[in-house]
Each structure stands twice: as structure tokens, then as C-alpha cells.
Amino acid sequence: MIRYARGVEITPDFFALGLIWYVVFLFSVTLHEAAHAWAALRLGDSTAYHGGQVTLNPGPHLAREPVGTVVLPLLSYGLMGWMMGWASAPYDPVWADRYPRRAAWMALAGPVSNLAVAIVAGLALWWGLGSGFFAAPSGAFEFSRIVVAPAGGGAEGIAALLSILFALNVLLFLFNLLPLPPLDGASLLPLVLSEDASRSYNAVMRQPGYSLLGLVVAWKLFPSIFWPAMTFALGLVYSGLPSPG
């Protein structure tokens, strides 16, 4: 059973942790959108490439979505102690209508990139726990304290960075796979539909009203999906060790 930490305490450590949070957040969303852009380029749509999004340089992504990549992450961290936000990569809707399955693979590339990062970070946490470099924390679950560093010092920063990297990318992977517009999961159905049916489906999913409704439903539904999945993921990280808390 995971217990969740609540409340935000403003201390110097809060600002230091905020810097780690922002670096991880910016890397994770930049990678997600760069994966979309790279997949689109490989599959025949160069729109995002010409917009500068086929890159891990966060600059073009910051310029495209300053509210989602700067304002909301910092605001959410100040209010809740963790970061949320968004970035985006442009694509050609004519290309997506012409090649709906290609567009679906392009949509899948973003969440898959986050899954890959979560796996790498999870393996690093698992190795650190097994070697004694990290230890299981006591108390409530926090994104930044999946593990702690008994040695202290710089190891504490590494523990926080890997903890956030793991938790945030699990969250981004799961959230973006929800089959609700405008999330990536809503674009995956054409993988099993005919091309004509896919075009009709995509036309409906692009309606602004469906996107707003999808975000509301996703916000309500996601906790019931995320926490059981995170419990399972932590069980893999802590494999062979006592459960945290």
C-alpha cells in the first residue's frame, strides 16, 4: 500500500528540488514531442521537422508552448510540490487523413519514449537498491523520494533525480495512452480500423468540444489508473526488498 505525502513546505531544499524537477520535466516532455516529430518525419510528414521539433534541445519546444513548459510547471510545483504541463509538435492534418495508420504510429512514439526512460530509470533505481547505494524510504510516498541515499551529499541529488525521472515518465506514459482526445491514446484506434473509418474517426476526434470533454474525463479517471500502476511499478523496483513505508 502506498501512502501519499501531502502539503508543500517552502524551504531552501524546496527550491533546490524544484530545479531538479524542472530539469527532469523539461527533458521528459521535450523527448516526448521530439519522438512524435522524429516519427512523423520518418513516416512522411516534415511539418515538425521544419518547425524545429526534431531535437532534444528544449529551446524550440519552450518557444512553441511557453505556458505549458514554463508557467504551469512552476505554478503547479509551487502549489502542489510536483510539476505538470505540456508541450506540442505540429503535424499536417492532410497527411494524417491520407495515412491514418502512420499518424497512429506517430502518436504512439511519444508515450513509448517516456516508457523507455521509465525503464532505464527504474533499472538504475533497482541496481542502486541492490548495491546499497540507495535505500527504501520510510514514510509517505513522494515522487522525489522513491529511494533515498544513505551516504547523503551528492548521492541525495542523484536519488531525487532518478526518483522523479522514473515517476514522471510512468505518469506521462500512462496519461498519454488514455483513449481520450486530445491525448495520444485517442489516435491509436486507426491501427485496427479501415482507412475510411479512420478518417471519419479522426474528423470527430479533432472537434474542440471532444477535446475539452476528454481532458475533463481524463483528469477524473486518471488517479484510479495511475496509483495501481505505480504500485505495480514500484514493486518491480523494490523487487527482493521490503515494501517502502
C-alpha atoms as a PDB file:
ATOM      1  CA  MET A   1       0.000   0.000   0.000  1.00  0.00           C
ATOM      2  CA  ILE A   2       1.348   3.426  -0.956  1.00  0.00           C
ATOM      3  CA  ARG A   3       0.766   6.363   1.361  1.00  0.00           C
ATOM      4  CA  TYR A   4       0.930   9.780  -0.264  1.00  0.00           C
ATOM      5  CA  ALA A   5       2.652  12.842   1.087  1.00  0.00           C
ATOM      6  CA  ARG A   6       0.516  15.957   1.266  1.00  0.00           C
ATOM      7  CA  GLY A   7       1.298  19.627   1.664  1.00  0.00           C
ATOM      8  CA  VAL A   8       4.158  21.839   0.452  1.00  0.00           C
ATOM      9  CA  GLU A   9       6.755  23.245   2.840  1.00  0.00           C
ATOM     10  CA  ILE A  10       8.738  26.210   1.496  1.00  0.00           C
ATOM     11  CA  THR A  11      12.420  25.756   2.417  1.00  0.00           C
ATOM     12  CA  PRO A  12      15.769  26.195   0.609  1.00  0.00           C
ATOM     13  CA  ASP A  13      15.620  22.478  -0.200  1.00  0.00           C
ATOM     14  CA  PHE A  14      12.243  23.093  -1.841  1.00  0.00           C
ATOM     15  CA  PHE A  15      13.872  25.387  -4.404  1.00  0.00           C
ATOM     16  CA  ALA A  16      16.805  23.030  -4.975  1.00  0.00           C
ATOM     17  CA  LEU A  17      14.384  20.158  -5.527  1.00  0.00           C
ATOM     18  CA  GLY A  18      12.346  22.403  -7.824  1.00  0.00           C
ATOM     19  CA  LEU A  19      15.388  22.821 -10.074  1.00  0.00           C
ATOM     20  CA  ILE A  20      15.755  19.033 -10.325  1.00  0.00           C
ATOM     21  CA  TRP A  21      12.034  18.726 -11.002  1.00  0.00           C
ATOM     22  CA  TYR A  22      12.175  21.272 -13.798  1.00  0.00           C
ATOM     23  CA  VAL A  23      15.204  19.712 -15.487  1.00  0.00           C
ATOM     24  CA  VAL A  24      13.501  16.301 -15.448  1.00  0.00           C
ATOM     25  CA  PHE A  25      10.152  17.715 -16.561  1.00  0.00           C
ATOM     26  CA  LEU A  26      11.660  19.677 -19.440  1.00  0.00           C
ATOM     27  CA  PHE A  27      13.732  16.714 -20.613  1.00  0.00           C
ATOM     28  CA  SER A  28      10.756  14.341 -20.430  1.00  0.00           C
ATOM     29  CA  VAL A  29       8.281  16.486 -22.366  1.00  0.00           C
ATOM     30  CA  THR A  30      10.965  17.525 -24.883  1.00  0.00           C
ATOM     31  CA  LEU A  31      11.793  13.870 -25.523  1.00  0.00           C
ATOM     32  CA  HIS A  32       8.081  13.050 -25.878  1.00  0.00           C
ATOM     33  CA  GLU A  33       7.486  15.713 -28.511  1.00  0.00           C
ATOM     34  CA  ALA A  34      10.794  15.089 -30.274  1.00  0.00           C
ATOM     35  CA  ALA A  35       9.772  11.426 -30.587  1.00  0.00           C
ATOM     36  CA  HIS A  36       6.487  12.479 -32.199  1.00  0.00           C
ATOM     37  CA  ALA A  37       8.327  14.792 -34.562  1.00  0.00           C
ATOM     38  CA  TRP A  38      11.002  12.234 -35.468  1.00  0.00           C
ATOM     39  CA  ALA A  39       8.409   9.514 -36.123  1.00  0.00           C
ATOM     40  CA  ALA A  40       6.360  11.872 -38.284  1.00  0.00           C
ATOM     41  CA  LEU A  41       9.451  12.771 -40.325  1.00  0.00           C
ATOM     42  CA  ARG A  42      10.320   9.109 -40.825  1.00  0.00           C
ATOM     43  CA  LEU A  43       6.747   8.380 -41.872  1.00  0.00           C
ATOM     44  CA  GLY A  44       6.459  11.202 -44.396  1.00  0.00           C
ATOM     45  CA  ASP A  45       5.394  14.395 -42.559  1.00  0.00           C
ATOM     46  CA  SER A  46       8.139  17.020 -42.246  1.00  0.00           C
ATOM     47  CA  THR A  47       5.963  19.688 -40.582  1.00  0.00           C
ATOM     48  CA  ALA A  48       7.511  19.321 -37.123  1.00  0.00           C
ATOM     49  CA  TYR A  49      10.982  18.960 -38.620  1.00  0.00           C
ATOM     50  CA  HIS A  50      10.649  22.339 -40.310  1.00  0.00           C
ATOM     51  CA  GLY A  51       9.295  23.728 -37.048  1.00  0.00           C
ATOM     52  CA  GLY A  52      12.488  22.656 -35.269  1.00  0.00           C
ATOM     53  CA  GLN A  53      10.881  19.994 -33.051  1.00  0.00           C
ATOM     54  CA  VAL A  54      13.051  17.031 -34.145  1.00  0.00           C
ATOM     55  CA  THR A  55      15.539  17.863 -31.406  1.00  0.00           C
ATOM     56  CA  LEU A  56      16.272  17.314 -27.728  1.00  0.00           C
ATOM     57  CA  ASN A  57      17.178  20.993 -27.488  1.00  0.00           C
ATOM     58  CA  PRO A  58      14.321  22.349 -25.342  1.00  0.00           C
ATOM     59  CA  GLY A  59      14.505  25.798 -26.963  1.00  0.00           C
ATOM     60  CA  PRO A  60      12.063  25.216 -29.852  1.00  0.00           C
ATOM     61  CA  HIS A  61       9.651  23.403 -27.533  1.00  0.00           C
ATOM     62  CA  LEU A  62       9.782  26.225 -24.974  1.00  0.00           C
ATOM     63  CA  ALA A  63       9.174  28.790 -27.706  1.00  0.00           C
ATOM     64  CA  ARG A  64       6.179  26.874 -29.055  1.00  0.00           C
ATOM     65  CA  GLU A  65       4.437  26.296 -25.695  1.00  0.00           C
ATOM     66  CA  PRO A  66       5.747  28.762 -23.057  1.00  0.00           C
ATOM     67  CA  VAL A  67       2.669  28.377 -20.844  1.00  0.00           C
ATOM     68  CA  GLY A  68       2.803  24.579 -20.832  1.00  0.00           C
ATOM     69  CA  THR A  69       6.579  24.344 -20.452  1.00  0.00           C
ATOM     70  CA  VAL A  70       7.304  27.251 -18.088  1.00  0.00           C
ATOM     71  CA  VAL A  71       4.288  28.887 -16.441  1.00  0.00           C
ATOM     72  CA  LEU A  72       2.178  25.854 -15.489  1.00  0.00           C
ATOM     73  CA  PRO A  73       5.075  23.626 -14.323  1.00  0.00           C
ATOM     74  CA  LEU A  74       6.410  26.313 -11.987  1.00  0.00           C
ATOM     75  CA  LEU A  75       2.940  27.217 -10.758  1.00  0.00           C
ATOM     76  CA  SER A  76       1.964  23.594 -10.100  1.00  0.00           C
ATOM     77  CA  TYR A  77       5.225  22.962  -8.251  1.00  0.00           C
ATOM     78  CA  GLY A  78       4.675  25.994  -6.043  1.00  0.00           C
ATOM     79  CA  LEU A  79       1.130  24.897  -5.216  1.00  0.00           C
ATOM     80  CA  MET A  80       1.441  21.101  -5.101  1.00  0.00           C
ATOM     81  CA  GLY A  81       5.126  20.214  -4.883  1.00  0.00           C
ATOM     82  CA  TRP A  82       5.204  18.443  -8.258  1.00  0.00           C
ATOM     83  CA  MET A  83       5.083  19.624 -11.857  1.00  0.00           C
ATOM     84  CA  MET A  84       2.510  19.300 -14.582  1.00  0.00           C
ATOM     85  CA  GLY A  85       2.406  20.899 -18.019  1.00  0.00           C
ATOM     86  CA  TRP A  86       2.570  20.140 -21.707  1.00  0.00           C
ATOM     87  CA  ALA A  87       4.412  20.683 -24.968  1.00  0.00           C
ATOM     88  CA  SER A  88       3.366  20.008 -28.552  1.00  0.00           C
ATOM     89  CA  ALA A  89       4.705  19.249 -32.009  1.00  0.00           C
ATOM     90  CA  PRO A  90       2.860  20.324 -35.182  1.00  0.00           C
ATOM     91  CA  TYR A  91       1.748  17.874 -37.849  1.00  0.00           C
ATOM     92  CA  ASP A  92      -0.008  18.048 -41.193  1.00  0.00           C
ATOM     93  CA  PRO A  93      -3.691  17.003 -40.821  1.00  0.00           C
ATOM     94  CA  VAL A  94      -3.872  16.326 -44.573  1.00  0.00           C
ATOM     95  CA  TRP A  95      -1.032  13.817 -44.184  1.00  0.00           C
ATOM     96  CA  ALA A  96      -2.781  12.294 -41.152  1.00  0.00           C
ATOM     97  CA  ASP A  97      -6.024  11.868 -43.148  1.00  0.00           C
ATOM     98  CA  ARG A  98      -4.159  10.348 -46.074  1.00  0.00           C
ATOM     99  CA  TYR A  99      -2.150   7.960 -43.877  1.00  0.00           C
ATOM    100  CA  PRO A 100      -4.144   7.371 -40.670  1.00  0.00           C
ATOM    101  CA  ARG A 101      -2.092   4.366 -39.597  1.00  0.00           C
ATOM    102  CA  ARG A 102       1.133   6.313 -39.987  1.00  0.00           C
ATOM    103  CA  ALA A 103      -0.387   9.082 -37.882  1.00  0.00           C
ATOM    104  CA  ALA A 104      -1.278   6.496 -35.227  1.00  0.00           C
ATOM    105  CA  TRP A 105       2.316   5.242 -35.081  1.00  0.00           C
ATOM    106  CA  MET A 106       3.463   8.844 -34.812  1.00  0.00           C
ATOM    107  CA  ALA A 107       1.110   9.338 -31.842  1.00  0.00           C
ATOM    108  CA  LEU A 108       2.422   6.200 -30.151  1.00  0.00           C
ATOM    109  CA  ALA A 109       6.052   7.326 -30.412  1.00  0.00           C
ATOM    110  CA  GLY A 110       5.682   9.939 -27.654  1.00  0.00           C
ATOM    111  CA  PRO A 111       4.410   7.631 -24.878  1.00  0.00           C
ATOM    112  CA  VAL A 112       6.865   4.913 -25.913  1.00  0.00           C
ATOM    113  CA  SER A 113       9.754   7.356 -25.407  1.00  0.00           C
ATOM    114  CA  ASN A 114       8.537   8.012 -21.855  1.00  0.00           C
ATOM    115  CA  LEU A 115       8.224   4.280 -21.198  1.00  0.00           C
ATOM    116  CA  ALA A 116      11.826   3.789 -22.342  1.00  0.00           C
ATOM    117  CA  VAL A 117      13.041   6.484 -19.928  1.00  0.00           C
ATOM    118  CA  ALA A 118      10.991   4.987 -17.075  1.00  0.00           C
ATOM    119  CA  ILE A 119      12.524   1.567 -17.711  1.00  0.00           C
ATOM    120  CA  VAL A 120      16.092   2.930 -17.727  1.00  0.00           C
ATOM    121  CA  ALA A 121      15.469   4.986 -14.574  1.00  0.00           C
ATOM    122  CA  GLY A 122      13.761   2.016 -12.909  1.00  0.00           C
ATOM    123  CA  LEU A 123      16.716  -0.247 -13.652  1.00  0.00           C
ATOM    124  CA  ALA A 124      19.073   2.370 -12.180  1.00  0.00           C
ATOM    125  CA  LEU A 125      16.938   2.565  -9.027  1.00  0.00           C
ATOM    126  CA  TRP A 126      16.774  -1.228  -8.775  1.00  0.00           C
ATOM    127  CA  TRP A 127      20.548  -1.525  -9.161  1.00  0.00           C
ATOM    128  CA  GLY A 128      21.131   1.211  -6.582  1.00  0.00           C
ATOM    129  CA  LEU A 129      18.883  -0.517  -4.069  1.00  0.00           C
ATOM    130  CA  GLY A 130      20.540  -3.861  -4.646  1.00  0.00           C
ATOM    131  CA  SER A 131      24.038  -2.423  -4.277  1.00  0.00           C
ATOM    132  CA  GLY A 132      23.247  -0.421  -1.150  1.00  0.00           C
ATOM    133  CA  PHE A 133      23.855   2.926  -2.863  1.00  0.00           C
ATOM    134  CA  PHE A 134      20.149   3.668  -2.368  1.00  0.00           C
ATOM    135  CA  ALA A 135      17.720   2.569   0.311  1.00  0.00           C
ATOM    136  CA  ALA A 136      13.953   2.333   0.550  1.00  0.00           C
ATOM    137  CA  PRO A 137      12.464   5.441   2.196  1.00  0.00           C
ATOM    138  CA  SER A 138      10.218   5.433   5.210  1.00  0.00           C
ATOM    139  CA  GLY A 139       7.007   7.404   5.450  1.00  0.00           C
ATOM    140  CA  ALA A 140       4.652   8.636   2.761  1.00  0.00           C
ATOM    141  CA  PHE A 141       5.234   8.170  -0.961  1.00  0.00           C
ATOM    142  CA  GLU A 142       6.711  11.148  -2.784  1.00  0.00           C
ATOM    143  CA  PHE A 143       7.713  11.388  -6.446  1.00  0.00           C
ATOM    144  CA  SER A 144      11.127  12.697  -5.370  1.00  0.00           C
ATOM    145  CA  ARG A 145      11.768  10.011  -2.718  1.00  0.00           C
ATOM    146  CA  ILE A 146      11.198   6.639  -4.346  1.00  0.00           C
ATOM    147  CA  VAL A 147      14.667   5.929  -2.957  1.00  0.00           C
ATOM    148  CA  VAL A 148      16.947   7.742  -0.525  1.00  0.00           C
ATOM    149  CA  ALA A 149      20.734   7.894  -0.354  1.00  0.00           C
ATOM    150  CA  PRO A 150      22.182   6.713   2.991  1.00  0.00           C
ATOM    151  CA  ALA A 151      25.551   8.300   2.159  1.00  0.00           C
ATOM    152  CA  GLY A 152      23.986  11.752   1.773  1.00  0.00           C
ATOM    153  CA  GLY A 153      25.752  14.507  -0.123  1.00  0.00           C
ATOM    154  CA  GLY A 154      25.564  14.448  -3.894  1.00  0.00           C
ATOM    155  CA  ALA A 155      24.009  10.996  -3.796  1.00  0.00           C
ATOM    156  CA  GLU A 156      20.829  12.592  -2.444  1.00  0.00           C
ATOM    157  CA  GLY A 157      20.525  14.656  -5.612  1.00  0.00           C
ATOM    158  CA  ILE A 158      21.036  11.558  -7.767  1.00  0.00           C
ATOM    159  CA  ALA A 159      18.367   9.707  -5.766  1.00  0.00           C
ATOM    160  CA  ALA A 160      15.895  12.579  -6.215  1.00  0.00           C
ATOM    161  CA  LEU A 161      16.657  12.939  -9.928  1.00  0.00           C
ATOM    162  CA  LEU A 162      16.198   9.228 -10.674  1.00  0.00           C
ATOM    163  CA  SER A 163      13.079   9.059  -8.497  1.00  0.00           C
ATOM    164  CA  ILE A 164      11.413  11.936 -10.331  1.00  0.00           C
ATOM    165  CA  LEU A 165      12.607  10.684 -13.707  1.00  0.00           C
ATOM    166  CA  PHE A 166      11.018   7.293 -13.045  1.00  0.00           C
ATOM    167  CA  ALA A 167       7.739   8.516 -11.555  1.00  0.00           C
ATOM    168  CA  LEU A 168       7.118  11.356 -14.002  1.00  0.00           C
ATOM    169  CA  ASN A 169       7.760   9.199 -17.055  1.00  0.00           C
ATOM    170  CA  VAL A 170       5.477   6.455 -15.767  1.00  0.00           C
ATOM    171  CA  LEU A 171       2.842   9.169 -15.342  1.00  0.00           C
ATOM    172  CA  LEU A 172       3.400  10.635 -18.826  1.00  0.00           C
ATOM    173  CA  PHE A 173       3.319   7.188 -20.434  1.00  0.00           C
ATOM    174  CA  LEU A 174       0.033   6.196 -18.775  1.00  0.00           C
ATOM    175  CA  PHE A 175      -1.722   9.558 -19.064  1.00  0.00           C
ATOM    176  CA  ASN A 176      -0.977   9.996 -22.747  1.00  0.00           C
ATOM    177  CA  LEU A 177      -2.208   6.480 -23.536  1.00  0.00           C
ATOM    178  CA  LEU A 178      -5.718   7.217 -22.250  1.00  0.00           C
ATOM    179  CA  PRO A 179      -8.025   6.763 -25.284  1.00  0.00           C
ATOM    180  CA  LEU A 180      -9.482  10.248 -24.938  1.00  0.00           C
ATOM    181  CA  PRO A 181      -8.929  13.298 -27.156  1.00  0.00           C
ATOM    182  CA  PRO A 182      -6.651  15.225 -27.327  1.00  0.00           C
ATOM    183  CA  LEU A 183      -4.348  12.614 -25.749  1.00  0.00           C
ATOM    184  CA  ASP A 184      -2.180  10.320 -27.854  1.00  0.00           C
ATOM    185  CA  GLY A 185      -4.210   7.250 -26.936  1.00  0.00           C
ATOM    186  CA  ALA A 186      -7.205   8.608 -28.831  1.00  0.00           C
ATOM    187  CA  SER A 187      -5.147   8.466 -32.040  1.00  0.00           C
ATOM    188  CA  LEU A 188      -4.291   4.762 -31.799  1.00  0.00           C
ATOM    189  CA  LEU A 189      -7.635   3.287 -32.883  1.00  0.00           C
ATOM    190  CA  PRO A 190      -6.805   3.692 -36.619  1.00  0.00           C
ATOM    191  CA  LEU A 191      -4.251   0.913 -36.155  1.00  0.00           C
ATOM    192  CA  VAL A 192      -7.194  -1.521 -36.177  1.00  0.00           C
ATOM    193  CA  LEU A 193      -9.742   0.402 -38.298  1.00  0.00           C
ATOM    194  CA  SER A 194     -10.088   0.622 -42.058  1.00  0.00           C
ATOM    195  CA  GLU A 195      -8.677   3.770 -43.639  1.00  0.00           C
ATOM    196  CA  ASP A 196     -12.147   5.191 -44.397  1.00  0.00           C
ATOM    197  CA  ALA A 197     -13.335   4.529 -40.853  1.00  0.00           C
ATOM    198  CA  SER A 198     -10.115   6.023 -39.513  1.00  0.00           C
ATOM    199  CA  ARG A 199     -10.653   9.262 -41.428  1.00  0.00           C
ATOM    200  CA  SER A 200     -14.186   9.599 -40.070  1.00  0.00           C
ATOM    201  CA  TYR A 201     -12.977   8.811 -36.559  1.00  0.00           C
ATOM    202  CA  ASN A 202     -10.140  11.350 -36.735  1.00  0.00           C
ATOM    203  CA  ALA A 203     -12.506  14.058 -38.003  1.00  0.00           C
ATOM    204  CA  VAL A 204     -14.708  13.544 -34.946  1.00  0.00           C
ATOM    205  CA  MET A 205     -11.762  13.446 -32.524  1.00  0.00           C
ATOM    206  CA  ARG A 206     -10.492  16.819 -33.776  1.00  0.00           C
ATOM    207  CA  GLN A 207     -13.632  18.637 -32.675  1.00  0.00           C
ATOM    208  CA  PRO A 208     -12.717  21.113 -29.880  1.00  0.00           C
ATOM    209  CA  GLY A 209     -15.674  20.066 -27.747  1.00  0.00           C
ATOM    210  CA  TYR A 210     -14.494  16.451 -27.637  1.00  0.00           C
ATOM    211  CA  SER A 211     -11.004  17.568 -26.623  1.00  0.00           C
ATOM    212  CA  LEU A 212     -12.332  19.593 -23.697  1.00  0.00           C
ATOM    213  CA  LEU A 213     -14.596  16.761 -22.594  1.00  0.00           C
ATOM    214  CA  GLY A 214     -11.719  14.282 -22.953  1.00  0.00           C
ATOM    215  CA  LEU A 215      -9.453  16.321 -20.692  1.00  0.00           C
ATOM    216  CA  VAL A 216     -12.150  16.587 -18.008  1.00  0.00           C
ATOM    217  CA  VAL A 217     -12.800  12.842 -18.088  1.00  0.00           C
ATOM    218  CA  ALA A 218      -9.059  12.062 -18.116  1.00  0.00           C
ATOM    219  CA  TRP A 219      -8.473  14.291 -15.082  1.00  0.00           C
ATOM    220  CA  LYS A 220     -11.177  12.445 -13.141  1.00  0.00           C
ATOM    221  CA  LEU A 221     -10.293   8.959 -14.351  1.00  0.00           C
ATOM    222  CA  PHE A 222      -6.509   9.015 -14.232  1.00  0.00           C
ATOM    223  CA  PRO A 223      -5.866   8.640 -10.476  1.00  0.00           C
ATOM    224  CA  SER A 224      -7.708   5.312 -10.413  1.00  0.00           C
ATOM    225  CA  ILE A 225      -5.371   4.087 -13.167  1.00  0.00           C
ATOM    226  CA  PHE A 226      -2.118   5.711 -12.131  1.00  0.00           C
ATOM    227  CA  TRP A 227      -1.843   4.679  -8.498  1.00  0.00           C
ATOM    228  CA  PRO A 228      -2.386   0.926  -9.032  1.00  0.00           C
ATOM    229  CA  ALA A 229       0.061   1.048 -11.954  1.00  0.00           C
ATOM    230  CA  MET A 230       2.609   2.946  -9.853  1.00  0.00           C
ATOM    231  CA  THR A 231       2.209   0.431  -7.043  1.00  0.00           C
ATOM    232  CA  PHE A 232       2.989  -2.339  -9.538  1.00  0.00           C
ATOM    233  CA  ALA A 233       5.969  -0.417 -10.969  1.00  0.00           C
ATOM    234  CA  LEU A 234       7.374   0.210  -7.507  1.00  0.00           C
ATOM    235  CA  GLY A 235       7.017  -3.489  -6.762  1.00  0.00           C
ATOM    236  CA  LEU A 236       9.380  -4.157  -9.674  1.00  0.00           C
ATOM    237  CA  VAL A 237      11.855  -1.502  -8.499  1.00  0.00           C
ATOM    238  CA  TYR A 238      11.816  -2.889  -4.945  1.00  0.00           C
ATOM    239  CA  SER A 239      11.991  -6.493  -6.146  1.00  0.00           C
ATOM    240  CA  GLY A 240      13.624  -8.572  -3.416  1.00  0.00           C
ATOM    241  CA  LEU A 241      13.372  -5.754  -0.860  1.00  0.00           C
ATOM    242  CA  PRO A 242      10.753  -4.850   1.779  1.00  0.00           C
ATOM    243  CA  SER A 243       7.976  -2.566   0.522  1.00  0.00           C
ATOM    244  CA  PRO A 244       8.530   1.175   1.198  1.00  0.00           C
ATOM    245  CA  GLY A 245       6.862   2.716   4.204  1.00  0.00           C
END
